[in-house]
N, C-alpha and C. Protein backbone atom coordinates (compact mmCIF):
# COMPACT_ATOMS: atom_id res chain seq x y z
N UNK A 1 -12.46 -32.15 -14.89
CA UNK A 1 -12.08 -30.74 -14.79
C UNK A 1 -12.95 -30.03 -13.75
N UNK A 2 -12.30 -29.22 -12.96
CA UNK A 2 -13.01 -28.42 -11.96
C UNK A 2 -12.96 -26.97 -12.41
N UNK A 3 -14.11 -26.36 -12.64
CA UNK A 3 -14.21 -24.97 -13.08
C UNK A 3 -13.40 -24.69 -14.34
N UNK A 4 -13.31 -25.66 -15.22
CA UNK A 4 -12.61 -25.47 -16.47
C UNK A 4 -11.09 -25.45 -16.34
N UNK A 5 -10.55 -25.89 -15.19
CA UNK A 5 -9.11 -25.93 -15.01
C UNK A 5 -8.59 -27.30 -15.39
N UNK A 6 -7.48 -27.32 -16.10
CA UNK A 6 -6.85 -28.58 -16.43
C UNK A 6 -5.99 -29.06 -15.27
N UNK A 7 -5.44 -30.26 -15.43
CA UNK A 7 -4.62 -30.85 -14.37
C UNK A 7 -3.38 -29.99 -14.10
N UNK A 8 -2.73 -29.49 -15.13
CA UNK A 8 -1.53 -28.66 -14.97
C UNK A 8 -1.87 -27.35 -14.26
N UNK A 9 -3.03 -26.80 -14.58
CA UNK A 9 -3.46 -25.56 -13.92
C UNK A 9 -3.70 -25.79 -12.43
N UNK A 10 -4.32 -26.93 -12.12
CA UNK A 10 -4.58 -27.24 -10.70
C UNK A 10 -3.28 -27.46 -9.95
N UNK A 11 -2.28 -28.09 -10.59
CA UNK A 11 -0.98 -28.27 -9.95
C UNK A 11 -0.29 -26.93 -9.72
N UNK A 12 -0.38 -26.04 -10.69
CA UNK A 12 0.22 -24.72 -10.53
C UNK A 12 -0.45 -23.94 -9.41
N UNK A 13 -1.75 -24.04 -9.34
CA UNK A 13 -2.50 -23.36 -8.28
C UNK A 13 -2.13 -23.93 -6.91
N UNK A 14 -2.03 -25.24 -6.81
CA UNK A 14 -1.64 -25.88 -5.55
C UNK A 14 -0.22 -25.47 -5.16
N UNK A 15 0.67 -25.39 -6.12
CA UNK A 15 2.04 -24.98 -5.84
C UNK A 15 2.08 -23.54 -5.35
N UNK A 16 1.32 -22.67 -5.98
CA UNK A 16 1.27 -21.26 -5.57
C UNK A 16 0.73 -21.12 -4.16
N UNK A 17 -0.34 -21.85 -3.86
CA UNK A 17 -0.91 -21.82 -2.51
C UNK A 17 0.11 -22.33 -1.49
N UNK A 18 0.82 -23.38 -1.84
CA UNK A 18 1.84 -23.92 -0.94
C UNK A 18 2.97 -22.94 -0.69
N UNK A 19 3.43 -22.26 -1.73
CA UNK A 19 4.52 -21.29 -1.58
C UNK A 19 4.07 -20.11 -0.73
N UNK A 20 2.90 -19.58 -1.01
CA UNK A 20 2.40 -18.44 -0.24
C UNK A 20 2.17 -18.85 1.22
N UNK A 21 1.62 -20.03 1.45
CA UNK A 21 1.41 -20.51 2.81
C UNK A 21 2.71 -20.67 3.57
N UNK A 22 3.73 -21.18 2.89
CA UNK A 22 5.04 -21.32 3.52
C UNK A 22 5.62 -19.96 3.88
N UNK A 23 5.48 -18.99 3.01
CA UNK A 23 5.98 -17.64 3.28
C UNK A 23 5.27 -17.02 4.48
N UNK A 24 3.96 -17.19 4.55
CA UNK A 24 3.19 -16.64 5.67
C UNK A 24 3.64 -17.29 6.98
N UNK A 25 3.78 -18.61 7.00
CA UNK A 25 4.23 -19.29 8.22
C UNK A 25 5.63 -18.85 8.63
N UNK A 26 6.51 -18.69 7.64
CA UNK A 26 7.89 -18.26 7.93
C UNK A 26 7.89 -16.87 8.55
N UNK A 27 7.12 -15.95 7.99
CA UNK A 27 7.05 -14.60 8.55
C UNK A 27 6.46 -14.60 9.95
N UNK A 28 5.43 -15.43 10.17
CA UNK A 28 4.79 -15.50 11.48
C UNK A 28 5.78 -15.99 12.54
N UNK A 29 6.49 -17.08 12.24
CA UNK A 29 7.41 -17.64 13.23
C UNK A 29 8.66 -16.80 13.40
N UNK A 30 9.12 -16.13 12.34
CA UNK A 30 10.30 -15.27 12.50
C UNK A 30 9.95 -14.06 13.34
N UNK A 31 8.73 -13.56 13.21
CA UNK A 31 8.29 -12.43 14.04
C UNK A 31 8.24 -12.86 15.51
N UNK A 32 7.73 -14.06 15.76
CA UNK A 32 7.70 -14.58 17.13
C UNK A 32 9.11 -14.74 17.69
N UNK A 33 10.03 -15.24 16.86
CA UNK A 33 11.41 -15.44 17.29
C UNK A 33 12.08 -14.11 17.62
N UNK A 34 11.86 -13.10 16.79
CA UNK A 34 12.44 -11.78 17.03
C UNK A 34 11.88 -11.18 18.31
N UNK A 35 10.58 -11.35 18.55
CA UNK A 35 9.98 -10.82 19.77
C UNK A 35 10.56 -11.51 21.00
N UNK A 36 10.78 -12.82 20.93
CA UNK A 36 11.34 -13.53 22.08
C UNK A 36 12.79 -13.13 22.31
N UNK A 37 13.53 -12.84 21.23
CA UNK A 37 14.92 -12.40 21.40
C UNK A 37 14.99 -10.99 21.98
N UNK A 38 14.02 -10.15 21.64
CA UNK A 38 14.05 -8.78 22.13
C UNK A 38 13.78 -8.72 23.64
N UNK A 39 13.23 -9.78 24.20
CA UNK A 39 12.97 -9.83 25.64
C UNK A 39 14.08 -10.55 26.40
N UNK A 40 15.13 -10.96 25.70
CA UNK A 40 16.23 -11.71 26.32
C UNK A 40 17.22 -10.74 26.95
N UNK A 41 17.38 -10.77 28.30
CA UNK A 41 18.28 -9.81 28.96
C UNK A 41 19.74 -9.96 28.55
N UNK A 42 20.19 -11.18 28.29
CA UNK A 42 21.58 -11.39 27.88
C UNK A 42 21.84 -10.75 26.52
N UNK A 43 20.87 -10.87 25.62
CA UNK A 43 21.02 -10.26 24.30
C UNK A 43 21.05 -8.74 24.45
N UNK A 44 20.27 -8.21 25.37
CA UNK A 44 20.24 -6.77 25.58
C UNK A 44 21.61 -6.27 26.04
N UNK A 45 22.25 -7.00 26.93
CA UNK A 45 23.59 -6.64 27.40
C UNK A 45 24.57 -6.69 26.23
N UNK A 46 24.48 -7.73 25.42
CA UNK A 46 25.37 -7.87 24.27
C UNK A 46 25.18 -6.72 23.28
N UNK A 47 23.93 -6.36 23.02
CA UNK A 47 23.66 -5.27 22.09
C UNK A 47 24.17 -3.95 22.64
N UNK A 48 24.06 -3.73 23.95
CA UNK A 48 24.58 -2.52 24.57
C UNK A 48 26.09 -2.46 24.40
N UNK A 49 26.77 -3.58 24.59
CA UNK A 49 28.21 -3.65 24.42
C UNK A 49 28.61 -3.34 22.97
N UNK A 50 27.90 -3.93 22.03
CA UNK A 50 28.19 -3.70 20.61
C UNK A 50 27.98 -2.23 20.27
N UNK A 51 26.91 -1.63 20.76
CA UNK A 51 26.64 -0.22 20.49
C UNK A 51 27.72 0.66 21.05
N UNK A 52 28.19 0.35 22.28
CA UNK A 52 29.23 1.17 22.88
C UNK A 52 30.55 1.04 22.11
N UNK A 53 30.83 -0.15 21.60
CA UNK A 53 32.05 -0.34 20.80
C UNK A 53 31.95 0.44 19.49
N UNK A 54 30.78 0.40 18.88
CA UNK A 54 30.62 1.10 17.60
C UNK A 54 30.70 2.62 17.77
N UNK A 55 30.28 3.13 18.94
CA UNK A 55 30.38 4.57 19.19
C UNK A 55 31.80 5.01 19.44
N UNK A 56 32.64 4.10 19.91
CA UNK A 56 34.00 4.41 20.30
C UNK A 56 34.84 4.77 19.19
């Protein structure tokens, strides 16, 4: 036992750390992806077209 934790407790802790780590990585890479898309000139033209259609 480490710090009075049983095997099941250590597995739960490892699972929690894994889930939180996965969420952090997902948010980091999705933010990077959104930033790269916002600099895409073709996407900008498409968004302008969509906005003009929605205003019509």
